[in-house]
Amino acid sequence: RASLADAQAAASAGQVVLAQLWASALEARGLKAAQMLVTLGDL
């Protein structure tokens, strides 16, 4: 969070890890994960 550019770069890399965490945890319990990324404008 040192700069907006850093936050955007971190989010881009971290979202892959985050999605994998949730998909794995839910799949192990018979649930299917579906990712949605939204912006303020989308809502």
Full PDB file with SEQRES, HELIX, SHEET, SSBOND, CRYST1, ORIGX, SCALE, CONECT and MASTER records, all heavy atoms in Angstrom:
SEQRES   1 A   43  ARG ALA SER LEU ALA ASP ALA GLN ALA ALA ALA SER ALA          
SEQRES   2 A   43  GLY GLN VAL VAL LEU ALA GLN LEU TRP ALA SER ALA LEU          
SEQRES   3 A   43  GLU ALA ARG GLY LEU LYS ALA ALA GLN MET LEU VAL THR          
SEQRES   4 A   43  LEU GLY ASP LEU                                              
HELIX    1 AA1 LEU A    4  GLU A   27  1                                  24    
HELIX    2 AA2 LEU A   40  ASP A   42  5                                   3    
CRYST1    1.000    1.000    1.000  90.00  90.00  90.00 P 1           1          
ORIGX1      1.000000  0.000000  0.000000        0.00000                         
ORIGX2      0.000000  1.000000  0.000000        0.00000                         
ORIGX3      0.000000  0.000000  1.000000        0.00000                         
SCALE1      1.000000  0.000000  0.000000        0.00000                         
SCALE2      0.000000  1.000000  0.000000        0.00000                         
SCALE3      0.000000  0.000000  1.000000        0.00000                         
ATOM      1  N   ARG A   1       0.810  -1.223   0.000  1.00  0.00           N  
ATOM      2  CA  ARG A   1       0.000   0.000   0.000  1.00  0.00           C  
ATOM      3  C   ARG A   1       0.846   1.277   0.000  1.00  0.00           C  
ATOM      4  O   ARG A   1       0.367   2.353   0.342  1.00  0.00           O  
ATOM      5  CB  ARG A   1      -0.948   0.003   1.203  1.00  0.00           C  
ATOM      6  CG  ARG A   1      -1.955  -1.158   1.166  1.00  0.00           C  
ATOM      7  CD  ARG A   1      -2.939  -1.115   2.320  1.00  0.00           C  
ATOM      8  NE  ARG A   1      -3.802  -2.267   2.343  1.00  0.00           N  
ATOM      9  CZ  ARG A   1      -4.945  -2.381   1.644  1.00  0.00           C  
ATOM     10  NH1 ARG A   1      -5.324  -1.395   0.861  1.00  0.00           N  
ATOM     11  NH2 ARG A   1      -5.672  -3.481   1.726  1.00  0.00           N  
ATOM     12  N   ALA A   2       2.102   1.159  -0.423  1.00  0.00           N  
ATOM     13  CA  ALA A   2       2.965   2.344  -0.476  1.00  0.00           C  
ATOM     14  C   ALA A   2       2.524   3.302  -1.576  1.00  0.00           C  
ATOM     15  O   ALA A   2       2.757   4.515  -1.484  1.00  0.00           O  
ATOM     16  CB  ALA A   2       4.420   1.926  -0.687  1.00  0.00           C  
ATOM     17  N   SER A   3       1.907   2.784  -2.611  1.00  0.00           N  
ATOM     18  CA  SER A   3       1.420   3.619  -3.712  1.00  0.00           C  
ATOM     19  C   SER A   3       0.273   2.899  -4.397  1.00  0.00           C  
ATOM     20  O   SER A   3       0.080   1.682  -4.202  1.00  0.00           O  
ATOM     21  CB  SER A   3       2.536   3.877  -4.735  1.00  0.00           C  
ATOM     22  OG  SER A   3       2.891   2.678  -5.403  1.00  0.00           O  
ATOM     23  N   LEU A   4      -0.474   3.635  -5.206  1.00  0.00           N  
ATOM     24  CA  LEU A   4      -1.573   3.024  -5.951  1.00  0.00           C  
ATOM     25  C   LEU A   4      -1.043   1.963  -6.914  1.00  0.00           C  
ATOM     26  O   LEU A   4      -1.627   0.880  -7.048  1.00  0.00           O  
ATOM     27  CB  LEU A   4      -2.358   4.088  -6.722  1.00  0.00           C  
ATOM     28  CG  LEU A   4      -3.494   3.572  -7.615  1.00  0.00           C  
ATOM     29  CD1 LEU A   4      -4.534   2.824  -6.796  1.00  0.00           C  
ATOM     30  CD2 LEU A   4      -4.144   4.732  -8.373  1.00  0.00           C  
ATOM     31  N   ALA A   5       0.096   2.254  -7.557  1.00  0.00           N  
ATOM     32  CA  ALA A   5       0.672   1.288  -8.495  1.00  0.00           C  
ATOM     33  C   ALA A   5       1.057  -0.001  -7.775  1.00  0.00           C  
ATOM     34  O   ALA A   5       0.833  -1.099  -8.299  1.00  0.00           O  
ATOM     35  CB  ALA A   5       1.897   1.896  -9.182  1.00  0.00           C  
ATOM     36  N   ASP A   6       1.634   0.113  -6.580  1.00  0.00           N  
ATOM     37  CA  ASP A   6       1.993  -1.075  -5.806  1.00  0.00           C  
ATOM     38  C   ASP A   6       0.742  -1.878  -5.436  1.00  0.00           C  
ATOM     39  O   ASP A   6       0.728  -3.112  -5.512  1.00  0.00           O  
ATOM     40  CB  ASP A   6       2.744  -0.682  -4.533  1.00  0.00           C  
ATOM     41  CG  ASP A   6       4.224  -0.453  -4.772  1.00  0.00           C  
ATOM     42  OD1 ASP A   6       4.656  -0.513  -5.941  1.00  0.00           O  
ATOM     43  OD2 ASP A   6       4.949  -0.184  -3.790  1.00  0.00           O  
ATOM     44  N   ALA A   7      -0.295  -1.171  -4.998  1.00  0.00           N  
ATOM     45  CA  ALA A   7      -1.531  -1.851  -4.598  1.00  0.00           C  
ATOM     46  C   ALA A   7      -2.148  -2.589  -5.777  1.00  0.00           C  
ATOM     47  O   ALA A   7      -2.631  -3.725  -5.637  1.00  0.00           O  
ATOM     48  CB  ALA A   7      -2.527  -0.848  -4.024  1.00  0.00           C  
ATOM     49  N   GLN A   8      -2.130  -1.965  -6.954  1.00  0.00           N  
ATOM     50  CA  GLN A   8      -2.692  -2.617  -8.138  1.00  0.00           C  
ATOM     51  C   GLN A   8      -1.879  -3.845  -8.533  1.00  0.00           C  
ATOM     52  O   GLN A   8      -2.437  -4.890  -8.884  1.00  0.00           O  
ATOM     53  CB  GLN A   8      -2.761  -1.610  -9.289  1.00  0.00           C  
ATOM     54  CG  GLN A   8      -3.811  -0.523  -9.050  1.00  0.00           C  
ATOM     55  CD  GLN A   8      -3.805   0.535 -10.137  1.00  0.00           C  
ATOM     56  OE1 GLN A   8      -2.748   0.907 -10.643  1.00  0.00           O  
ATOM     57  NE2 GLN A   8      -4.974   1.030 -10.494  1.00  0.00           N  
ATOM     58  N   ALA A   9      -0.551  -3.728  -8.465  1.00  0.00           N  
ATOM     59  CA  ALA A   9       0.308  -4.864  -8.791  1.00  0.00           C  
ATOM     60  C   ALA A   9       0.114  -5.996  -7.784  1.00  0.00           C  
ATOM     61  O   ALA A   9       0.021  -7.176  -8.156  1.00  0.00           O  
ATOM     62  CB  ALA A   9       1.772  -4.423  -8.827  1.00  0.00           C  
ATOM     63  N   ALA A  10       0.060  -5.630  -6.498  1.00  0.00           N  
ATOM     64  CA  ALA A  10      -0.134  -6.647  -5.456  1.00  0.00           C  
ATOM     65  C   ALA A  10      -1.473  -7.344  -5.621  1.00  0.00           C  
ATOM     66  O   ALA A  10      -1.568  -8.576  -5.481  1.00  0.00           O  
ATOM     67  CB  ALA A  10      -0.036  -5.989  -4.081  1.00  0.00           C  
ATOM     68  N   ALA A  11      -2.507  -6.577  -5.917  1.00  0.00           N  
ATOM     69  CA  ALA A  11      -3.836  -7.168  -6.105  1.00  0.00           C  
ATOM     70  C   ALA A  11      -3.848  -8.133  -7.274  1.00  0.00           C  
ATOM     71  O   ALA A  11      -4.445  -9.214  -7.210  1.00  0.00           O  
ATOM     72  CB  ALA A  11      -4.874  -6.067  -6.324  1.00  0.00           C  
ATOM     73  N   SER A  12      -3.163  -7.768  -8.351  1.00  0.00           N  
ATOM     74  CA  SER A  12      -3.133  -8.619  -9.540  1.00  0.00           C  
ATOM     75  C   SER A  12      -2.494  -9.972  -9.242  1.00  0.00           C  
ATOM     76  O   SER A  12      -3.006 -11.021  -9.648  1.00  0.00           O  
ATOM     77  CB  SER A  12      -2.354  -7.900 -10.646  1.00  0.00           C  
ATOM     78  OG  SER A  12      -2.345  -8.671 -11.832  1.00  0.00           O  
ATOM     79  N   ALA A  13      -1.374  -9.952  -8.510  1.00  0.00           N  
ATOM     80  CA  ALA A  13      -0.699 -11.205  -8.166  1.00  0.00           C  
ATOM     81  C   ALA A  13      -1.438 -11.960  -7.068  1.00  0.00           C  
ATOM     82  O   ALA A  13      -1.568 -13.186  -7.110  1.00  0.00           O  
ATOM     83  CB  ALA A  13       0.741 -10.913  -7.720  1.00  0.00           C  
ATOM     84  N   GLY A  14      -1.932 -11.216  -6.075  1.00  0.00           N  
ATOM     85  CA  GLY A  14      -2.566 -11.853  -4.929  1.00  0.00           C  
ATOM     86  C   GLY A  14      -3.917 -12.450  -5.219  1.00  0.00           C  
ATOM     87  O   GLY A  14      -4.342 -13.410  -4.552  1.00  0.00           O  
ATOM     88  N   GLN A  15      -4.615 -11.922  -6.222  1.00  0.00           N  
ATOM     89  CA  GLN A  15      -5.946 -12.444  -6.515  1.00  0.00           C  
ATOM     90  C   GLN A  15      -5.885 -13.885  -6.991  1.00  0.00           C  
ATOM     91  O   GLN A  15      -6.792 -14.675  -6.715  1.00  0.00           O  
ATOM     92  CB  GLN A  15      -6.630 -11.568  -7.570  1.00  0.00           C  
ATOM     93  CG  GLN A  15      -8.122 -11.825  -7.695  1.00  0.00           C  
ATOM     94  CD  GLN A  15      -8.854 -11.570  -6.398  1.00  0.00           C  
ATOM     95  OE1 GLN A  15      -8.734 -10.514  -5.794  1.00  0.00           O  
ATOM     96  NE2 GLN A  15      -9.638 -12.551  -5.963  1.00  0.00           N  
ATOM     97  N   VAL A  16      -4.801 -14.245  -7.678  1.00  0.00           N  
ATOM     98  CA  VAL A  16      -4.626 -15.633  -8.131  1.00  0.00           C  
ATOM     99  C   VAL A  16      -4.511 -16.558  -6.921  1.00  0.00           C  
ATOM    100  O   VAL A  16      -5.151 -17.620  -6.854  1.00  0.00           O  
ATOM    101  CB  VAL A  16      -3.371 -15.754  -9.024  1.00  0.00           C  
ATOM    102  CG1 VAL A  16      -3.146 -17.216  -9.414  1.00  0.00           C  
ATOM    103  CG2 VAL A  16      -3.506 -14.878 -10.255  1.00  0.00           C  
ATOM    104  N   VAL A  17      -3.692 -16.137  -5.956  1.00  0.00           N  
ATOM    105  CA  VAL A  17      -3.498 -16.938  -4.748  1.00  0.00           C  
ATOM    106  C   VAL A  17      -4.800 -17.047  -3.965  1.00  0.00           C  
ATOM    107  O   VAL A  17      -5.176 -18.131  -3.489  1.00  0.00           O  
ATOM    108  CB  VAL A  17      -2.395 -16.321  -3.857  1.00  0.00           C  
ATOM    109  CG1 VAL A  17      -2.171 -17.170  -2.609  1.00  0.00           C  
ATOM    110  CG2 VAL A  17      -1.101 -16.169  -4.644  1.00  0.00           C  
ATOM    111  N   LEU A  18      -5.496 -15.911  -3.833  1.00  0.00           N  
ATOM    112  CA  LEU A  18      -6.747 -15.882  -3.071  1.00  0.00           C  
ATOM    113  C   LEU A  18      -7.788 -16.811  -3.686  1.00  0.00           C  
ATOM    114  O   LEU A  18      -8.467 -17.566  -2.977  1.00  0.00           O  
ATOM    115  CB  LEU A  18      -7.273 -14.444  -3.005  1.00  0.00           C  
ATOM    116  CG  LEU A  18      -8.504 -14.199  -2.146  1.00  0.00           C  
ATOM    117  CD1 LEU A  18      -8.207 -14.480  -0.674  1.00  0.00           C  
ATOM    118  CD2 LEU A  18      -9.002 -12.759  -2.318  1.00  0.00           C  
ATOM    119  N   ALA A  19      -7.922 -16.760  -5.000  1.00  0.00           N  
ATOM    120  CA  ALA A  19      -8.893 -17.626  -5.685  1.00  0.00           C  
ATOM    121  C   ALA A  19      -8.558 -19.094  -5.478  1.00  0.00           C  
ATOM    122  O   ALA A  19      -9.453 -19.926  -5.264  1.00  0.00           O  
ATOM    123  CB  ALA A  19      -8.934 -17.286  -7.173  1.00  0.00           C  
ATOM    124  N   GLN A  20      -7.272 -19.420  -5.542  1.00  0.00           N  
ATOM    125  CA  GLN A  20      -6.861 -20.812  -5.336  1.00  0.00           C  
ATOM    126  C   GLN A  20      -7.175 -21.284  -3.921  1.00  0.00           C  
ATOM    127  O   GLN A  20      -7.610 -22.426  -3.714  1.00  0.00           O  
ATOM    128  CB  GLN A  20      -5.358 -20.951  -5.615  1.00  0.00           C  
ATOM    129  CG  GLN A  20      -4.993 -20.818  -7.091  1.00  0.00           C  
ATOM    130  CD  GLN A  20      -3.492 -20.805  -7.313  1.00  0.00           C  
ATOM    131  OE1 GLN A  20      -2.712 -20.487  -6.412  1.00  0.00           O  
ATOM    132  NE2 GLN A  20      -3.068 -21.136  -8.534  1.00  0.00           N  
ATOM    133  N   LEU A  21      -6.959 -20.401  -2.935  1.00  0.00           N  
ATOM    134  CA  LEU A  21      -7.257 -20.753  -1.545  1.00  0.00           C  
ATOM    135  C   LEU A  21      -8.721 -21.114  -1.374  1.00  0.00           C  
ATOM    136  O   LEU A  21      -9.067 -22.142  -0.781  1.00  0.00           O  
ATOM    137  CB  LEU A  21      -6.906 -19.584  -0.624  1.00  0.00           C  
ATOM    138  CG  LEU A  21      -5.437 -19.340  -0.302  1.00  0.00           C  
ATOM    139  CD1 LEU A  21      -5.285 -18.027   0.451  1.00  0.00           C  
ATOM    140  CD2 LEU A  21      -4.878 -20.493   0.524  1.00  0.00           C  
ATOM    141  N   TRP A  22      -9.597 -20.268  -1.894  1.00  0.00           N  
ATOM    142  CA  TRP A  22     -11.026 -20.498  -1.727  1.00  0.00           C  
ATOM    143  C   TRP A  22     -11.496 -21.705  -2.530  1.00  0.00           C  
ATOM    144  O   TRP A  22     -12.288 -22.522  -2.045  1.00  0.00           O  
ATOM    145  CB  TRP A  22     -11.814 -19.250  -2.120  1.00  0.00           C  
ATOM    146  CG  TRP A  22     -11.841 -18.226  -1.042  1.00  0.00           C  
ATOM    147  CD1 TRP A  22     -11.229 -17.017  -1.031  1.00  0.00           C  
ATOM    148  CD2 TRP A  22     -12.514 -18.344   0.216  1.00  0.00           C  
ATOM    149  NE1 TRP A  22     -11.475 -16.363   0.156  1.00  0.00           N  
ATOM    150  CE2 TRP A  22     -12.259 -17.152   0.936  1.00  0.00           C  
ATOM    151  CE3 TRP A  22     -13.297 -19.326   0.806  1.00  0.00           C  
ATOM    152  CZ2 TRP A  22     -12.765 -16.926   2.212  1.00  0.00           C  
ATOM    153  CZ3 TRP A  22     -13.812 -19.101   2.076  1.00  0.00           C  
ATOM    154  CH2 TRP A  22     -13.540 -17.917   2.760  1.00  0.00           C  
ATOM    155  N   ALA A  23     -11.019 -21.828  -3.754  1.00  0.00           N  
ATOM    156  CA  ALA A  23     -11.432 -22.965  -4.580  1.00  0.00           C  
ATOM    157  C   ALA A  23     -11.044 -24.282  -3.924  1.00  0.00           C  
ATOM    158  O   ALA A  23     -11.834 -25.236  -3.890  1.00  0.00           O  
ATOM    159  CB  ALA A  23     -10.809 -22.852  -5.970  1.00  0.00           C  
ATOM    160  N   SER A  24      -9.839 -24.330  -3.374  1.00  0.00           N  
ATOM    161  CA  SER A  24      -9.368 -25.554  -2.734  1.00  0.00           C  
ATOM    162  C   SER A  24     -10.157 -25.877  -1.474  1.00  0.00           C  
ATOM    163  O   SER A  24     -10.583 -27.019  -1.265  1.00  0.00           O  
ATOM    164  CB  SER A  24      -7.879 -25.410  -2.398  1.00  0.00           C  
ATOM    165  OG  SER A  24      -7.404 -26.537  -1.709  1.00  0.00           O  
ATOM    166  N   ALA A  25     -10.369 -24.844  -0.633  1.00  0.00           N  
ATOM    167  CA  ALA A  25     -11.082 -25.068   0.624  1.00  0.00           C  
ATOM    168  C   ALA A  25     -12.529 -25.501   0.384  1.00  0.00           C  
ATOM    169  O   ALA A  25     -13.052 -26.389   1.073  1.00  0.00           O  
ATOM    170  CB  ALA A  25     -11.038 -23.804   1.479  1.00  0.00           C  
ATOM    171  N   LEU A  26     -13.181 -24.900  -0.583  1.00  0.00           N  
ATOM    172  CA  LEU A  26     -14.578 -25.241  -0.857  1.00  0.00           C  
ATOM    173  C   LEU A  26     -14.703 -26.581  -1.572  1.00  0.00           C  
ATOM    174  O   LEU A  26     -15.591 -27.381  -1.271  1.00  0.00           O  
ATOM    175  CB  LEU A  26     -15.231 -24.124  -1.674  1.00  0.00           C  
ATOM    176  CG  LEU A  26     -15.376 -22.779  -0.951  1.00  0.00           C  
ATOM    177  CD1 LEU A  26     -15.863 -21.692  -1.907  1.00  0.00           C  
ATOM    178  CD2 LEU A  26     -16.325 -22.890   0.235  1.00  0.00           C  
ATOM    179  N   GLU A  27     -13.800 -26.821  -2.529  1.00  0.00           N  
ATOM    180  CA  GLU A  27     -13.865 -28.081  -3.268  1.00  0.00           C  
ATOM    181  C   GLU A  27     -13.684 -29.277  -2.339  1.00  0.00           C  
ATOM    182  O   GLU A  27     -14.326 -30.325  -2.539  1.00  0.00           O  
ATOM    183  CB  GLU A  27     -12.785 -28.094  -4.347  1.00  0.00           C  
ATOM    184  CG  GLU A  27     -12.834 -29.344  -5.231  1.00  0.00           C  
ATOM    185  CD  GLU A  27     -11.761 -29.343  -6.308  1.00  0.00           C  
ATOM    186  OE1 GLU A  27     -10.984 -28.367  -6.367  1.00  0.00           O  
ATOM    187  OE2 GLU A  27     -11.706 -30.315  -7.073  1.00  0.00           O  
ATOM    188  N   ALA A  28     -12.851 -29.132  -1.321  1.00  0.00           N  
ATOM    189  CA  ALA A  28     -12.624 -30.231  -0.378  1.00  0.00           C  
ATOM    190  C   ALA A  28     -13.890 -30.594   0.387  1.00  0.00           C  
ATOM    191  O   ALA A  28     -13.974 -31.675   0.986  1.00  0.00           O  
ATOM    192  CB  ALA A  28     -11.515 -29.851   0.605  1.00  0.00           C  
ATOM    193  N   ARG A  29     -14.864 -29.696   0.360  1.00  0.00           N  
ATOM    194  CA  ARG A  29     -16.136 -29.914   1.070  1.00  0.00           C  
ATOM    195  C   ARG A  29     -17.299 -30.070   0.097  1.00  0.00           C  
ATOM    196  O   ARG A  29     -18.464 -29.873   0.474  1.00  0.00           O  
ATOM    197  CB  ARG A  29     -16.366 -28.769   2.047  1.00  0.00           C  
ATOM    198  CG  ARG A  29     -15.378 -28.845   3.208  1.00  0.00           C  
ATOM    199  CD  ARG A  29     -15.082 -27.497   3.838  1.00  0.00           C  
ATOM    200  NE  ARG A  29     -14.097 -27.685   4.917  1.00  0.00           N  
ATOM    201  CZ  ARG A  29     -12.773 -27.722   4.702  1.00  0.00           C  
ATOM    202  NH1 ARG A  29     -12.283 -27.567   3.481  1.00  0.00           N  
ATOM    203  NH2 ARG A  29     -11.939 -27.911   5.709  1.00  0.00           N  
ATOM    204  N   GLY A  30     -16.976 -30.379  -1.150  1.00  0.00           N  
ATOM    205  CA  GLY A  30     -18.006 -30.653  -2.139  1.00  0.00           C  
ATOM    206  C   GLY A  30     -18.697 -29.428  -2.700  1.00  0.00           C  
ATOM    207  O   GLY A  30     -19.777 -29.546  -3.284  1.00  0.00           O  
ATOM    208  N   LEU A  31     -18.080 -28.246  -2.547  1.00  0.00           N  
ATOM    209  CA  LEU A  31     -18.680 -27.008  -3.030  1.00  0.00           C  
ATOM    210  C   LEU A  31     -17.869 -26.448  -4.193  1.00  0.00           C  
ATOM    211  O   LEU A  31     -16.643 -26.577  -4.232  1.00  0.00           O  
ATOM    212  CB  LEU A  31     -18.751 -25.971  -1.905  1.00  0.00           C  
ATOM    213  CG  LEU A  31     -19.572 -26.379  -0.680  1.00  0.00           C  
ATOM    214  CD1 LEU A  31     -19.457 -25.323   0.415  1.00  0.00           C  
ATOM    215  CD2 LEU A  31     -21.032 -26.606  -1.053  1.00  0.00           C  
ATOM    216  N   LYS A  32     -18.553 -25.801  -5.115  1.00  0.00           N  
ATOM    217  CA  LYS A  32     -17.897 -25.233  -6.290  1.00  0.00           C  
ATOM    218  C   LYS A  32     -17.773 -23.718  -6.133  1.00  0.00           C  
ATOM    219  O   LYS A  32     -18.765 -23.029  -5.906  1.00  0.00           O  
ATOM    220  CB  LYS A  32     -18.706 -25.554  -7.548  1.00  0.00           C  
ATOM    221  CG  LYS A  32     -18.833 -27.051  -7.825  1.00  0.00           C  
ATOM    222  CD  LYS A  32     -19.746 -27.314  -9.009  1.00  0.00           C  
ATOM    223  CE  LYS A  32     -19.908 -28.811  -9.244  1.00  0.00           C  
ATOM    224  NZ  LYS A  32     -20.837 -29.100 -10.357  1.00  0.00           N  
ATOM    225  N   ALA A  33     -16.548 -23.213  -6.241  1.00  0.00           N  
ATOM    226  CA  ALA A  33     -16.304 -21.770  -6.143  1.00  0.00           C  
ATOM    227  C   ALA A  33     -16.421 -21.131  -7.521  1.00  0.00           C  
ATOM    228  O   ALA A  33     -16.076 -21.744  -8.537  1.00  0.00           O  
ATOM    229  CB  ALA A  33     -14.921 -21.512  -5.560  1.00  0.00           C  
ATOM    230  N   ALA A  34     -16.909 -19.890  -7.538  1.00  0.00           N  
ATOM    231  CA  ALA A  34     -16.991 -19.118  -8.777  1.00  0.00           C  
ATOM    232  C   ALA A  34     -16.503 -17.706  -8.473  1.00  0.00           C  
ATOM    233  O   ALA A  34     -17.059 -17.026  -7.602  1.00  0.00           O  
ATOM    234  CB  ALA A  34     -18.415 -19.087  -9.306  1.00  0.00           C  
ATOM    235  N   GLN A  35     -15.471 -17.265  -9.153  1.00  0.00           N  
ATOM    236  CA  GLN A  35     -14.887 -15.957  -8.849  1.00  0.00           C  
ATOM    237  C   GLN A  35     -15.585 -14.833  -9.603  1.00  0.00           C  
ATOM    238  O   GLN A  35     -15.901 -14.959 -10.780  1.00  0.00           O  
ATOM    239  CB  GLN A  35     -13.403 -15.945  -9.207  1.00  0.00           C  
ATOM    240  CG  GLN A  35     -12.699 -14.644  -8.818  1.00  0.00           C  
ATOM    241  CD  GLN A  35     -11.271 -14.598  -9.331  1.00  0.00           C  
ATOM    242  OE1 GLN A  35     -11.025 -14.745 -10.516  1.00  0.00           O  
ATOM    243  NE2 GLN A  35     -10.327 -14.407  -8.414  1.00  0.00           N  
ATOM    244  N   MET A  36     -15.813 -13.718  -8.912  1.00  0.00           N  
ATOM    245  CA  MET A  36     -16.290 -12.485  -9.544  1.00  0.00           C  
ATOM    246  C   MET A  36     -15.464 -11.322  -9.007  1.00  0.00           C  
ATOM    247  O   MET A  36     -15.378 -11.140  -7.793  1.00  0.00           O  
ATOM    248  CB  MET A  36     -17.773 -12.233  -9.245  1.00  0.00           C  
ATOM    249  CG  MET A  36     -18.741 -13.071 -10.031  1.00  0.00           C  
ATOM    250  SD  MET A  36     -20.475 -12.630  -9.688  1.00  0.00           S  
ATOM    251  CE  MET A  36     -20.548 -10.958 -10.374  1.00  0.00           C  
ATOM    252  N   LEU A  37     -14.860 -10.554  -9.908  1.00  0.00           N  
ATOM    253  CA  LEU A  37     -14.166  -9.329  -9.535  1.00  0.00           C  
ATOM    254  C   LEU A  37     -14.988  -8.159 -10.037  1.00  0.00           C  
ATOM    255  O   LEU A  37     -15.375  -8.111 -11.206  1.00  0.00           O  
ATOM    256  CB  LEU A  37     -12.761  -9.295 -10.155  1.00  0.00           C  
ATOM    257  CG  LEU A  37     -11.796 -10.403  -9.708  1.00  0.00           C  
ATOM    258  CD1 LEU A  37     -10.458 -10.264 -10.431  1.00  0.00           C  
ATOM    259  CD2 LEU A  37     -11.589 -10.361  -8.206  1.00  0.00           C  
ATOM    260  N   VAL A  38     -15.276  -7.221  -9.171  1.00  0.00           N  
ATOM    261  CA  VAL A  38     -16.131  -6.094  -9.545  1.00  0.00           C  
ATOM    262  C   VAL A  38     -15.451  -4.781  -9.187  1.00  0.00           C  
ATOM    263  O   VAL A  38     -14.576  -4.721  -8.318  1.00  0.00           O  
ATOM    264  CB  VAL A  38     -17.505  -6.171  -8.849  1.00  0.00           C  
ATOM    265  CG1 VAL A  38     -18.252  -7.422  -9.250  1.00  0.00           C  
ATOM    266  CG2 VAL A  38     -17.358  -6.092  -7.340  1.00  0.00           C  
ATOM    267  N   THR A  39     -15.860  -3.732  -9.867  1.00  0.00           N  
ATOM    268  CA  THR A  39     -15.424  -2.377  -9.545  1.00  0.00           C  
ATOM    269  C   THR A  39     -16.625  -1.581  -9.064  1.00  0.00           C  
ATOM    270  O   THR A  39     -17.780  -2.024  -9.183  1.00  0.00           O  
ATOM    271  CB  THR A  39     -14.822  -1.674 -10.776  1.00  0.00           C  
ATOM    272  OG1 THR A  39     -15.851  -1.543 -11.777  1.00  0.00           O  
ATOM    273  CG2 THR A  39     -13.656  -2.455 -11.346  1.00  0.00           C  
ATOM    274  N   LEU A  40     -16.355  -0.409  -8.540  1.00  0.00           N  
ATOM    275  CA  LEU A  40     -17.438   0.480  -8.103  1.00  0.00           C  
ATOM    276  C   LEU A  40     -18.429   0.716  -9.231  1.00  0.00           C  
ATOM    277  O   LEU A  40     -19.642   0.661  -9.047  1.00  0.00           O  
ATOM    278  CB  LEU A  40     -16.848   1.801  -7.613  1.00  0.00           C  
ATOM    279  CG  LEU A  40     -17.832   2.866  -7.121  1.00  0.00           C  
ATOM    280  CD1 LEU A  40     -18.544   2.401  -5.859  1.00  0.00           C  
ATOM    281  CD2 LEU A  40     -17.128   4.188  -6.867  1.00  0.00           C  
ATOM    282  N   GLY A  41     -17.897   0.948 -10.448  1.00  0.00           N  
ATOM    283  CA  GLY A  41     -18.768   1.226 -11.579  1.00  0.00           C  
ATOM    284  C   GLY A  41     -19.713   0.087 -11.917  1.00  0.00           C  
ATOM    285  O   GLY A  41     -20.819   0.315 -12.416  1.00  0.00           O  
ATOM    286  N   ASP A  42     -19.295  -1.145 -11.641  1.00  0.00           N  
ATOM    287  CA  ASP A  42     -20.152  -2.293 -11.945  1.00  0.00           C  
ATOM    288  C   ASP A  42     -21.435  -2.278 -11.125  1.00  0.00           C  
ATOM    289  O   ASP A  42     -22.459  -2.827 -11.552  1.00  0.00           O  
ATOM    290  CB  ASP A  42     -19.400  -3.605 -11.671  1.00  0.00           C  
ATOM    291  CG  ASP A  42     -18.253  -3.828 -12.632  1.00  0.00           C  
ATOM    292  OD1 ASP A  42     -18.369  -3.410 -13.799  1.00  0.00           O  
ATOM    293  OD2 ASP A  42     -17.237  -4.411 -12.215  1.00  0.00           O  
ATOM    294  N   LEU A  43     -21.390  -1.682  -9.937  1.00  0.00           N  
ATOM    295  CA  LEU A  43     -22.569  -1.652  -9.076  1.00  0.00           C  
ATOM    296  C   LEU A  43     -23.198  -0.265  -8.983  1.00  0.00           C  
ATOM    297  O   LEU A  43     -24.292  -0.118  -8.449  1.00  0.00           O  
ATOM    298  CB  LEU A  43     -22.205  -2.164  -7.677  1.00  0.00           C  
ATOM    299  CG  LEU A  43     -21.676  -3.604  -7.635  1.00  0.00           C  
ATOM    300  CD1 LEU A  43     -21.383  -4.026  -6.204  1.00  0.00           C  
ATOM    301  CD2 LEU A  43     -22.667  -4.578  -8.266  1.00  0.00           C  
TER     302      LEU A  43                                                      
MASTER        0    0    0    2    0    0    0    6  301    1    0    4          
END                                                                             
